[in-house]
Amino acid sequence: MPLSGCGLCRAFVAGAMFYGNGIIAMMHKKSRARTRHRRAQWRIAVPVVVTCANDACGRRTPPHAACRHCGMYRGRQVMPPA
């Protein structure tokens, strides 16, 4: 079967696999359910933030990290305030 056109187009010939030129085409079509089940995991996680323990500051900061505004971490000054 002669194949003409670009190399990418050859991958879409039904039921064919090409080993010589490095293109491997899918042998079976993935169902909609399988594709959607896989894509459902692509969601972006919401960043976790906590309020600063310093009562004077109270800004939102990542957990287990010094506050970027006041420089406090676990009740002590670890960075100069911004």
N, C-alpha and C. Protein backbone atom coordinates (compact mmCIF):
# COMPACT_ATOMS: atom_id res chain seq x y z
N MET A 1 0.85 -1.17 0.00
CA MET A 1 0.00 0.00 0.00
C MET A 1 0.90 1.24 0.00
N PRO A 2 0.90 2.01 -1.04
CA PRO A 2 1.75 3.21 -1.07
C PRO A 2 1.17 4.30 -0.17
N LEU A 3 2.05 4.92 0.59
CA LEU A 3 1.64 5.99 1.49
C LEU A 3 2.27 7.28 1.02
N SER A 4 1.46 8.26 0.78
CA SER A 4 1.98 9.54 0.33
C SER A 4 1.65 10.60 1.36
N GLY A 5 2.31 11.72 1.28
CA GLY A 5 2.04 12.82 2.20
C GLY A 5 3.08 12.88 3.31
N CYS A 6 2.75 13.63 4.32
CA CYS A 6 3.70 13.82 5.40
C CYS A 6 3.79 12.57 6.27
N GLY A 7 4.83 12.48 7.06
CA GLY A 7 5.02 11.34 7.93
C GLY A 7 3.97 11.24 9.01
N LEU A 8 3.43 12.38 9.43
CA LEU A 8 2.41 12.38 10.46
C LEU A 8 1.13 11.75 9.96
N CYS A 9 0.82 11.95 8.67
CA CYS A 9 -0.42 11.41 8.11
C CYS A 9 -0.38 9.89 8.07
N ARG A 10 0.78 9.30 7.99
CA ARG A 10 0.89 7.85 7.90
C ARG A 10 0.43 7.18 9.19
N ALA A 11 0.51 7.89 10.30
CA ALA A 11 0.13 7.30 11.57
C ALA A 11 -1.36 7.08 11.68
N PHE A 12 -2.14 7.71 10.85
CA PHE A 12 -3.58 7.62 10.95
C PHE A 12 -4.18 6.61 10.00
N VAL A 13 -3.37 5.78 9.38
CA VAL A 13 -3.88 4.70 8.56
C VAL A 13 -4.46 3.66 9.51
N ALA A 14 -5.70 3.24 9.28
CA ALA A 14 -6.41 2.37 10.23
C ALA A 14 -5.70 1.05 10.41
N GLY A 15 -5.43 0.70 11.66
CA GLY A 15 -4.88 -0.58 12.01
C GLY A 15 -3.44 -0.81 11.62
N ALA A 16 -2.67 0.23 11.36
CA ALA A 16 -1.29 0.04 10.90
C ALA A 16 -0.31 0.44 11.99
N MET A 17 0.82 -0.25 12.00
CA MET A 17 1.93 0.12 12.89
C MET A 17 3.17 0.27 12.03
N PHE A 18 3.93 1.31 12.26
CA PHE A 18 5.15 1.53 11.50
C PHE A 18 6.32 1.54 12.47
N TYR A 19 7.18 0.55 12.36
CA TYR A 19 8.33 0.46 13.24
C TYR A 19 9.58 1.06 12.60
N GLY A 20 9.68 1.03 11.28
CA GLY A 20 10.91 1.44 10.61
C GLY A 20 11.23 2.91 10.78
N ASN A 21 10.23 3.79 10.71
CA ASN A 21 10.51 5.22 10.76
C ASN A 21 10.20 5.84 12.11
N GLY A 22 9.97 5.01 13.14
CA GLY A 22 9.78 5.54 14.48
C GLY A 22 8.36 5.94 14.81
N ILE A 23 7.45 5.85 13.88
CA ILE A 23 6.06 6.21 14.16
C ILE A 23 5.31 4.95 14.54
N ILE A 24 4.66 4.99 15.67
CA ILE A 24 3.83 3.87 16.10
C ILE A 24 2.41 4.40 16.19
N ALA A 25 1.54 3.86 15.38
CA ALA A 25 0.15 4.30 15.36
C ALA A 25 -0.66 3.48 16.36
N MET A 26 -1.74 4.06 16.86
CA MET A 26 -2.58 3.33 17.79
C MET A 26 -3.28 2.18 17.06
N MET A 27 -3.43 1.08 17.76
CA MET A 27 -4.06 -0.08 17.15
C MET A 27 -5.56 -0.10 17.38
N HIS A 28 -6.01 0.46 18.50
CA HIS A 28 -7.43 0.46 18.81
C HIS A 28 -7.83 1.86 19.24
N LYS A 29 -9.02 2.24 18.88
CA LYS A 29 -9.52 3.56 19.25
C LYS A 29 -9.88 3.57 20.74
N LYS A 30 -9.48 4.64 21.42
CA LYS A 30 -9.85 4.79 22.83
C LYS A 30 -11.30 5.28 22.89
N SER A 31 -12.07 4.68 23.76
CA SER A 31 -13.46 5.08 23.88
C SER A 31 -13.56 6.46 24.52
N ARG A 32 -14.72 7.09 24.37
CA ARG A 32 -14.93 8.41 24.97
C ARG A 32 -14.83 8.33 26.49
N ALA A 33 -15.36 7.27 27.05
CA ALA A 33 -15.33 7.14 28.51
C ALA A 33 -13.90 7.04 29.02
N ARG A 34 -13.07 6.25 28.34
CA ARG A 34 -11.69 6.08 28.78
C ARG A 34 -10.91 7.39 28.63
N THR A 35 -11.13 8.10 27.53
CA THR A 35 -10.46 9.37 27.31
C THR A 35 -10.89 10.40 28.34
N ARG A 36 -12.19 10.49 28.59
CA ARG A 36 -12.68 11.48 29.54
C ARG A 36 -12.27 11.14 30.97
N HIS A 37 -12.20 9.85 31.28
CA HIS A 37 -11.76 9.44 32.61
C HIS A 37 -10.30 9.85 32.83
N ARG A 38 -9.48 9.73 31.82
CA ARG A 38 -8.08 10.13 31.92
C ARG A 38 -7.95 11.65 32.01
N ARG A 39 -8.72 12.37 31.20
CA ARG A 39 -8.62 13.83 31.20
C ARG A 39 -9.19 14.46 32.45
N ALA A 40 -10.03 13.73 33.18
CA ALA A 40 -10.61 14.26 34.42
C ALA A 40 -9.55 14.51 35.47
N GLN A 41 -8.39 13.87 35.35
CA GLN A 41 -7.31 14.02 36.32
C GLN A 41 -6.44 15.24 36.04
N TRP A 42 -6.72 15.98 34.98
CA TRP A 42 -5.88 17.11 34.58
C TRP A 42 -6.14 18.37 35.38
N ARG A 43 -7.04 18.32 36.33
CA ARG A 43 -7.43 19.54 37.04
C ARG A 43 -6.24 20.13 37.80
N ILE A 44 -6.31 21.42 38.01
CA ILE A 44 -5.26 22.14 38.71
C ILE A 44 -5.61 22.18 40.20
N ALA A 45 -4.65 21.84 41.03
CA ALA A 45 -4.89 21.85 42.47
C ALA A 45 -4.93 23.29 42.98
N VAL A 46 -5.85 23.54 43.88
CA VAL A 46 -5.96 24.87 44.48
C VAL A 46 -4.79 25.03 45.45
N PRO A 47 -4.04 26.14 45.36
CA PRO A 47 -2.90 26.32 46.26
C PRO A 47 -3.36 26.43 47.71
N VAL A 48 -2.65 25.73 48.60
CA VAL A 48 -2.99 25.74 50.02
C VAL A 48 -2.34 26.95 50.66
N VAL A 49 -3.12 27.75 51.35
CA VAL A 49 -2.60 28.91 52.06
C VAL A 49 -3.22 28.94 53.46
N VAL A 50 -2.47 29.47 54.40
CA VAL A 50 -2.95 29.65 55.77
C VAL A 50 -2.74 31.11 56.15
N THR A 51 -3.39 31.54 57.20
CA THR A 51 -3.19 32.91 57.66
C THR A 51 -1.93 32.97 58.52
N CYS A 52 -1.25 34.07 58.48
CA CYS A 52 -0.02 34.27 59.24
C CYS A 52 -0.34 34.20 60.74
N ALA A 53 0.53 33.53 61.49
CA ALA A 53 0.31 33.38 62.94
C ALA A 53 0.50 34.69 63.69
N ASN A 54 1.20 35.65 63.09
CA ASN A 54 1.40 36.95 63.71
C ASN A 54 0.08 37.70 63.69
N ASP A 55 -0.44 38.06 64.87
CA ASP A 55 -1.74 38.74 64.94
C ASP A 55 -1.72 40.10 64.27
N ALA A 56 -0.58 40.76 64.27
CA ALA A 56 -0.49 42.08 63.65
C ALA A 56 -0.52 41.97 62.12
N CYS A 57 -0.11 40.85 61.57
CA CYS A 57 -0.04 40.69 60.11
C CYS A 57 -1.32 40.06 59.58
N GLY A 58 -1.53 38.77 59.84
CA GLY A 58 -2.75 38.08 59.41
C GLY A 58 -2.88 37.86 57.92
N ARG A 59 -1.81 38.00 57.17
CA ARG A 59 -1.88 37.80 55.71
C ARG A 59 -1.88 36.32 55.37
N ARG A 60 -2.28 36.01 54.15
CA ARG A 60 -2.30 34.63 53.67
C ARG A 60 -0.90 34.25 53.19
N THR A 61 -0.40 33.10 53.65
CA THR A 61 0.95 32.65 53.33
C THR A 61 0.95 31.14 53.13
N PRO A 62 1.89 30.57 52.37
CA PRO A 62 1.95 29.12 52.23
C PRO A 62 2.28 28.45 53.56
N PRO A 63 1.77 27.24 53.80
CA PRO A 63 2.09 26.58 55.06
C PRO A 63 3.56 26.16 55.11
N HIS A 64 4.10 26.08 56.31
CA HIS A 64 5.49 25.69 56.54
C HIS A 64 6.48 26.62 55.85
N ALA A 65 6.15 27.88 55.77
CA ALA A 65 7.03 28.87 55.15
C ALA A 65 6.90 30.18 55.93
N ALA A 66 7.97 30.96 55.92
CA ALA A 66 7.95 32.25 56.59
C ALA A 66 7.04 33.21 55.84
N CYS A 67 6.38 34.08 56.58
CA CYS A 67 5.51 35.08 55.96
C CYS A 67 6.38 36.07 55.19
N ARG A 68 6.02 36.33 53.97
CA ARG A 68 6.82 37.26 53.15
C ARG A 68 6.63 38.70 53.58
N HIS A 69 5.55 38.99 54.26
CA HIS A 69 5.28 40.38 54.64
C HIS A 69 5.95 40.75 55.97
N CYS A 70 5.76 39.92 57.01
CA CYS A 70 6.31 40.28 58.33
C CYS A 70 7.57 39.49 58.69
N GLY A 71 7.87 38.38 57.99
CA GLY A 71 9.08 37.62 58.24
C GLY A 71 9.00 36.66 59.42
N MET A 72 7.82 36.41 59.95
CA MET A 72 7.66 35.52 61.10
C MET A 72 7.41 34.09 60.64
N TYR A 73 7.97 33.13 61.42
CA TYR A 73 7.72 31.72 61.20
C TYR A 73 7.66 31.03 62.54
N ARG A 74 6.55 30.41 62.85
CA ARG A 74 6.33 29.69 64.11
C ARG A 74 6.62 30.56 65.33
N GLY A 75 6.18 31.80 65.25
CA GLY A 75 6.28 32.69 66.40
C GLY A 75 7.61 33.40 66.59
N ARG A 76 8.54 33.27 65.67
CA ARG A 76 9.82 33.99 65.79
C ARG A 76 10.19 34.66 64.48
N GLN A 77 11.00 35.69 64.59
CA GLN A 77 11.42 36.48 63.43
C GLN A 77 12.56 35.74 62.72
N VAL A 78 12.36 35.32 61.47
CA VAL A 78 13.40 34.59 60.76
C VAL A 78 13.90 35.37 59.54
N MET A 79 13.15 36.38 59.12
CA MET A 79 13.55 37.22 57.99
C MET A 79 13.25 38.66 58.34
N PRO A 80 13.96 39.58 57.74
CA PRO A 80 13.60 40.99 57.98
C PRO A 80 12.24 41.28 57.32
N PRO A 81 11.41 42.11 57.95
CA PRO A 81 10.12 42.42 57.36
C PRO A 81 10.26 43.16 56.03
N ALA A 82 9.34 42.90 55.13
CA ALA A 82 9.39 43.53 53.81
C ALA A 82 8.89 44.96 53.85
